[in-house]
Amino acid sequence: MDTPQTPDSLSAAWWSRQAQTFAAAKPAAVDERLAAFERQCRQLDFAPFELKSLAKPADAEDRLAQLAGDFARTLRIVADAARAVEAAVAKWQTQHKADAKAKAALAAAATLARDAASYRAALGRFPDVAKTELTRRLNELRAAAPAPADEKKPDSPERVRLRTRMLAQLRIVKMRRDLKVHFLACIGRNSCAVYLHSSPVSDAQKPLLTKVLQGDTGFKWYRGECVWEEGAVTFVGNNLSATLGRRIQEGANELVGGNVGYRIRATSERADR
């Protein structure tokens, strides 16, 4: 990214070389304003905005925030200091324009005023230019960044179907306690899925649950009823344990995208294998 470069005429070295030129006229006010300008310039660092230094999206986002905050204030301070140099030079030129001995000094002062104005204008343009370049770089970095490891894959038709059914049946469990809701839970090694229905769930629904848990293995099956007890959705079934209860709760909440409270109440019969 092109950054504003301070002209040589606004440097202490250039000003020192003009000492003889200005000796007769002694523009002390210009000297003071230029010294103040140099002090403010030392606070200005364009290096963080070099595009090649931005390796990840967060870097570009930080620079955009910096550009709109602290750096923008620093730019305004330096621009104001450059404007003060221009004003001091203009005043000195007016005072000495008729002085034949100040001809060389007036030429040097004109260079100083011109370069101060040019640099101030460059500072004013920089925020818009930098914002455009940083936004372009941010989009490039985002496009090149690998997807997060835990990024959710698009829902399959089976998951959509299971979620829709589960949400509808959970409402019945909570609001229509006169109606029975039955469940079939599929517990894999790493995940769980539950099918709810108004009548006992047949084995015909097992393929649906295994598709929802595609990639998992070691499936075990549990059946029972789903009721509302003690202010929570309660699964009542064969030989259900607290561990299975946690698995069912995690699987159900992951599917419906909520944080519903669940309970387990087990009977003494063996699970359906």
Protein backbone atom coordinates (compact mmCIF):
# COMPACT_ATOMS: atom_id res chain seq x y z
CA MET A 1 0.00 0.00 0.00
CA ASP A 2 1.31 3.47 -0.89
CA THR A 3 1.74 5.56 2.24
CA PRO A 4 2.31 9.33 2.52
CA GLN A 5 6.03 10.14 2.44
CA THR A 6 7.25 13.18 4.36
CA PRO A 7 8.89 15.59 1.83
CA ASP A 8 12.56 16.42 2.37
CA SER A 9 11.62 20.05 2.77
CA LEU A 10 9.74 19.21 5.98
CA SER A 11 12.73 17.48 7.55
CA ALA A 12 15.17 18.89 10.05
CA ALA A 13 18.05 18.20 7.65
CA TRP A 14 16.53 20.27 4.85
CA TRP A 15 15.66 23.07 7.23
CA SER A 16 19.23 23.10 8.54
CA ARG A 17 20.60 23.50 5.01
CA GLN A 18 18.41 26.59 4.56
CA ALA A 19 19.85 28.34 7.62
CA GLN A 20 21.99 30.69 5.53
CA THR A 21 19.13 31.43 3.17
CA PHE A 22 16.89 32.47 6.06
CA ALA A 23 19.61 34.11 8.11
CA ALA A 24 18.71 37.68 7.24
CA ALA A 25 14.98 37.32 7.64
CA LYS A 26 15.00 34.96 10.64
CA PRO A 27 11.54 33.32 10.28
CA ALA A 28 11.40 32.13 13.89
CA ALA A 29 7.66 31.32 13.79
CA VAL A 30 8.18 28.95 10.85
CA ASP A 31 11.03 27.27 12.70
CA GLU A 32 8.83 26.69 15.75
CA ARG A 33 5.91 25.32 13.74
CA LEU A 34 8.18 22.98 11.81
CA ALA A 35 9.73 21.68 15.04
CA ALA A 36 6.23 20.99 16.39
CA PHE A 37 5.32 19.24 13.13
CA GLU A 38 8.37 16.96 13.40
CA ARG A 39 7.45 16.01 16.97
CA GLN A 40 3.96 15.02 15.89
CA CYS A 41 5.30 13.06 12.90
CA ARG A 42 7.29 10.82 15.23
CA GLN A 43 3.95 9.42 16.48
CA LEU A 44 2.93 8.43 12.96
CA ASP A 45 3.76 4.83 11.99
CA PHE A 46 2.46 3.48 8.69
CA ALA A 47 4.31 0.14 8.96
CA PRO A 48 1.37 -1.80 10.50
CA PHE A 49 -0.68 -1.00 7.39
CA GLU A 50 1.68 -2.76 4.98
CA LEU A 51 -0.52 -5.41 3.37
CA LYS A 52 2.27 -8.00 3.28
CA SER A 53 2.35 -7.95 7.09
CA LEU A 54 -1.27 -9.14 7.33
CA ALA A 55 -1.26 -12.94 7.61
CA LYS A 56 -4.78 -13.69 8.85
CA PRO A 57 -8.23 -12.07 8.81
CA ALA A 58 -7.90 -10.88 12.40
CA ASP A 59 -4.84 -8.82 11.42
CA ALA A 60 -6.77 -6.94 8.74
CA GLU A 61 -9.75 -6.48 11.08
CA ASP A 62 -7.44 -5.00 13.74
CA ARG A 63 -5.95 -2.56 11.21
CA LEU A 64 -9.40 -1.44 10.07
CA ALA A 65 -10.38 -0.78 13.69
CA GLN A 66 -7.10 1.07 14.28
CA LEU A 67 -7.64 3.13 11.14
CA ALA A 68 -11.03 4.27 12.39
CA GLY A 69 -9.79 4.96 15.92
CA ASP A 70 -6.41 5.98 17.32
CA PHE A 71 -4.63 6.24 13.98
CA ALA A 72 -7.29 8.53 12.54
CA ARG A 73 -6.79 10.90 15.48
CA THR A 74 -3.02 10.86 14.98
CA LEU A 75 -3.46 11.66 11.29
CA ARG A 76 -5.60 14.68 12.17
CA ILE A 77 -3.03 15.94 14.69
CA VAL A 78 -0.17 15.68 12.17
CA ALA A 79 -2.30 17.30 9.44
CA ASP A 80 -3.09 20.18 11.79
CA ALA A 81 0.63 20.60 12.50
CA ALA A 82 1.33 20.73 8.74
CA ARG A 83 -1.41 23.34 8.35
CA ALA A 84 0.24 25.40 11.09
CA VAL A 85 3.50 25.29 9.11
CA GLU A 86 1.66 26.55 6.03
CA ALA A 87 0.07 29.38 8.00
CA ALA A 88 3.39 30.46 9.51
CA VAL A 89 5.07 30.41 6.10
CA ALA A 90 2.23 32.39 4.51
CA LYS A 91 2.46 35.03 7.23
CA TRP A 92 6.23 35.29 6.84
CA GLN A 93 5.95 35.54 3.05
CA THR A 94 3.47 38.40 3.38
CA GLN A 95 5.77 40.26 5.73
CA HIS A 96 8.86 39.91 3.50
CA LYS A 97 7.51 39.80 -0.06
CA ALA A 98 8.86 43.27 -0.77
CA ASP A 99 12.27 42.57 0.73
CA ALA A 100 14.81 42.19 -2.08
CA LYS A 101 17.29 40.54 0.29
CA ALA A 102 14.73 37.81 1.12
CA LYS A 103 14.31 36.63 -2.48
CA ALA A 104 16.12 33.32 -1.93
CA ALA A 105 14.42 32.85 1.42
CA LEU A 106 11.00 33.44 -0.13
CA ALA A 107 11.69 30.77 -2.76
CA ALA A 108 12.67 28.26 -0.08
CA ALA A 109 9.60 29.20 1.98
CA ALA A 110 7.37 28.65 -1.05
CA THR A 111 8.78 25.14 -1.43
CA LEU A 112 8.13 24.48 2.24
CA ALA A 113 4.54 25.73 2.06
CA ARG A 114 3.81 23.77 -1.12
CA ASP A 115 5.18 20.52 0.30
CA ALA A 116 3.37 20.99 3.63
CA ALA A 117 0.07 21.40 1.76
CA SER A 118 0.78 18.39 -0.44
CA TYR A 119 1.64 16.19 2.54
CA ARG A 120 -1.45 17.32 4.44
CA ALA A 121 -3.62 16.40 1.45
CA ALA A 122 -1.97 12.95 1.26
CA LEU A 123 -2.74 12.39 4.95
CA GLY A 124 -6.36 13.29 4.28
CA ARG A 125 -6.63 10.76 1.45
CA PHE A 126 -4.95 7.92 3.31
CA PRO A 127 -7.91 6.68 5.42
CA ASP A 128 -10.13 6.06 2.37
CA VAL A 129 -7.31 4.47 0.37
CA ALA A 130 -6.26 2.29 3.31
CA LYS A 131 -9.84 1.23 4.05
CA THR A 132 -10.31 0.07 0.47
CA GLU A 133 -7.02 -1.84 0.40
CA LEU A 134 -7.50 -3.38 3.84
CA THR A 135 -11.04 -4.51 3.02
CA ARG A 136 -9.81 -6.13 -0.18
CA ARG A 137 -7.02 -7.87 1.75
CA LEU A 138 -9.46 -8.97 4.46
CA ASN A 139 -11.71 -10.59 1.87
CA GLU A 140 -8.70 -12.38 0.35
CA LEU A 141 -7.60 -13.70 3.74
CA ARG A 142 -11.12 -14.84 4.63
CA ALA A 143 -11.43 -16.68 1.32
CA ALA A 144 -8.08 -18.39 1.86
CA ALA A 145 -8.62 -19.25 5.52
CA PRO A 146 -9.46 -22.90 6.27
CA ALA A 147 -12.93 -23.56 7.60
CA PRO A 148 -13.06 -23.97 11.39
CA ALA A 149 -12.75 -27.58 12.47
CA ASP A 150 -16.06 -27.43 14.30
CA GLU A 151 -17.97 -25.71 11.51
CA LYS A 152 -21.35 -27.34 11.11
CA LYS A 153 -22.10 -29.09 7.87
CA PRO A 154 -25.34 -28.28 6.05
CA ASP A 155 -28.25 -30.25 7.43
CA SER A 156 -29.17 -33.39 5.56
CA PRO A 157 -32.83 -34.03 4.64
CA GLU A 158 -32.89 -36.72 7.34
CA ARG A 159 -31.79 -34.29 10.05
CA VAL A 160 -34.34 -31.71 8.91
CA ARG A 161 -37.09 -34.33 9.00
CA LEU A 162 -36.04 -35.57 12.45
CA ARG A 163 -35.78 -32.05 13.87
CA THR A 164 -39.20 -31.03 12.57
CA ARG A 165 -40.80 -34.12 14.09
CA MET A 166 -38.99 -33.75 17.40
CA LEU A 167 -39.97 -30.11 17.86
CA ALA A 168 -43.63 -30.91 17.14
CA GLN A 169 -43.66 -33.89 19.52
CA LEU A 170 -41.86 -31.99 22.30
CA ARG A 171 -44.65 -29.40 22.20
CA ILE A 172 -47.16 -32.20 22.63
CA VAL A 173 -45.20 -33.63 25.58
CA LYS A 174 -45.28 -30.29 27.31
CA MET A 175 -48.75 -29.01 26.38
CA ARG A 176 -50.89 -32.13 25.82
CA ARG A 177 -50.21 -34.39 28.74
CA ASP A 178 -53.32 -36.38 27.92
CA LEU A 179 -51.57 -37.71 24.80
CA LYS A 180 -48.82 -40.32 24.78
CA VAL A 181 -45.52 -39.75 22.99
CA HIS A 182 -43.19 -42.70 22.36
CA PHE A 183 -39.49 -42.61 21.58
CA LEU A 184 -36.82 -44.68 19.87
CA ALA A 185 -33.29 -43.62 20.84
CA CYS A 186 -30.24 -44.58 18.79
CA ILE A 187 -27.03 -44.34 20.82
CA GLY A 188 -23.72 -44.53 18.91
CA ARG A 189 -20.20 -44.37 20.23
CA ASN A 190 -20.03 -40.60 19.73
CA SER A 191 -23.53 -39.32 19.11
CA CYS A 192 -27.23 -39.88 19.70
CA ALA A 193 -30.52 -39.35 17.87
CA VAL A 194 -34.09 -39.74 19.09
CA TYR A 195 -37.28 -40.28 17.13
CA LEU A 196 -40.58 -39.26 18.77
CA HIS A 197 -44.04 -40.45 17.68
CA SER A 198 -47.61 -40.63 18.93
CA SER A 199 -47.53 -44.44 18.82
CA PRO A 200 -44.79 -47.00 19.58
CA VAL A 201 -41.93 -46.44 17.14
CA SER A 202 -41.27 -49.37 14.81
CA ASP A 203 -37.95 -50.63 13.48
CA ALA A 204 -38.82 -48.92 10.20
CA GLN A 205 -37.39 -45.70 11.66
CA LYS A 206 -33.97 -47.20 12.46
CA PRO A 207 -32.50 -46.44 8.99
CA LEU A 208 -33.48 -42.79 9.42
CA LEU A 209 -31.65 -42.51 12.74
CA THR A 210 -28.53 -44.26 11.46
CA LYS A 211 -28.42 -41.88 8.49
CA VAL A 212 -28.62 -38.93 10.87
CA LEU A 213 -25.67 -40.42 12.78
CA GLN A 214 -23.77 -41.33 9.63
CA GLY A 215 -20.13 -42.00 10.42
CA ASP A 216 -20.80 -43.25 13.94
CA THR A 217 -20.73 -46.93 14.94
CA GLY A 218 -21.74 -49.32 17.72
CA PHE A 219 -25.43 -48.42 17.70
CA LYS A 220 -27.67 -49.44 20.59
CA TRP A 221 -31.42 -48.93 20.69
CA TYR A 222 -33.71 -47.86 23.51
CA ARG A 223 -37.49 -47.48 23.51
CA GLY A 224 -40.04 -46.02 25.85
CA GLU A 225 -42.37 -43.12 26.49
CA CYS A 226 -41.64 -39.40 26.69
CA VAL A 227 -43.60 -37.53 29.38
CA TRP A 228 -43.54 -34.20 31.23
CA GLU A 229 -42.44 -34.69 34.82
CA GLU A 230 -41.00 -32.35 37.42
CA GLY A 231 -40.83 -29.50 34.93
CA ALA A 232 -38.76 -31.38 32.36
CA VAL A 233 -39.04 -33.68 29.35
CA THR A 234 -38.62 -37.15 30.85
CA PHE A 235 -37.66 -40.29 28.94
CA VAL A 236 -39.09 -43.39 30.57
CA GLY A 237 -37.67 -46.60 29.16
CA ASN A 238 -35.88 -49.89 29.52
CA ASN A 239 -32.78 -49.85 31.71
CA LEU A 240 -31.89 -46.20 31.00
CA SER A 241 -28.90 -44.89 32.96
CA ALA A 242 -27.78 -41.41 33.93
CA THR A 243 -25.00 -41.69 31.34
CA LEU A 244 -27.52 -42.49 28.62
CA GLY A 245 -29.61 -39.60 29.86
CA ARG A 246 -26.75 -37.19 29.28
CA ARG A 247 -26.18 -38.63 25.82
CA ILE A 248 -29.85 -38.24 24.93
CA GLN A 249 -29.88 -34.66 26.26
CA GLU A 250 -26.76 -33.71 24.27
CA GLY A 251 -28.09 -35.32 21.11
CA ALA A 252 -31.53 -33.76 21.41
CA ASN A 253 -30.20 -30.26 22.14
CA GLU A 254 -27.68 -30.47 19.32
CA LEU A 255 -30.45 -31.43 16.90
CA VAL A 256 -33.00 -28.78 17.87
CA GLY A 257 -30.41 -26.08 18.57
CA GLY A 258 -31.66 -25.34 22.07
CA ASN A 259 -30.97 -26.12 25.68
CA VAL A 260 -34.00 -28.09 26.81
CA GLY A 261 -33.84 -29.83 30.16
CA TYR A 262 -34.28 -33.61 30.08
CA ARG A 263 -34.69 -36.32 32.69
CA ILE A 264 -34.39 -40.10 32.66
CA ARG A 265 -36.62 -42.56 34.51
CA ALA A 266 -35.66 -46.15 33.90
CA THR A 267 -37.63 -49.38 34.23
CA SER A 268 -35.88 -52.64 35.23
CA GLU A 269 -36.21 -54.38 31.87
CA ARG A 270 -33.16 -54.89 29.63
CA ALA A 271 -32.55 -52.57 26.73
CA ASP A 272 -33.62 -53.50 23.22
CA ARG A 273 -30.32 -54.43 21.51
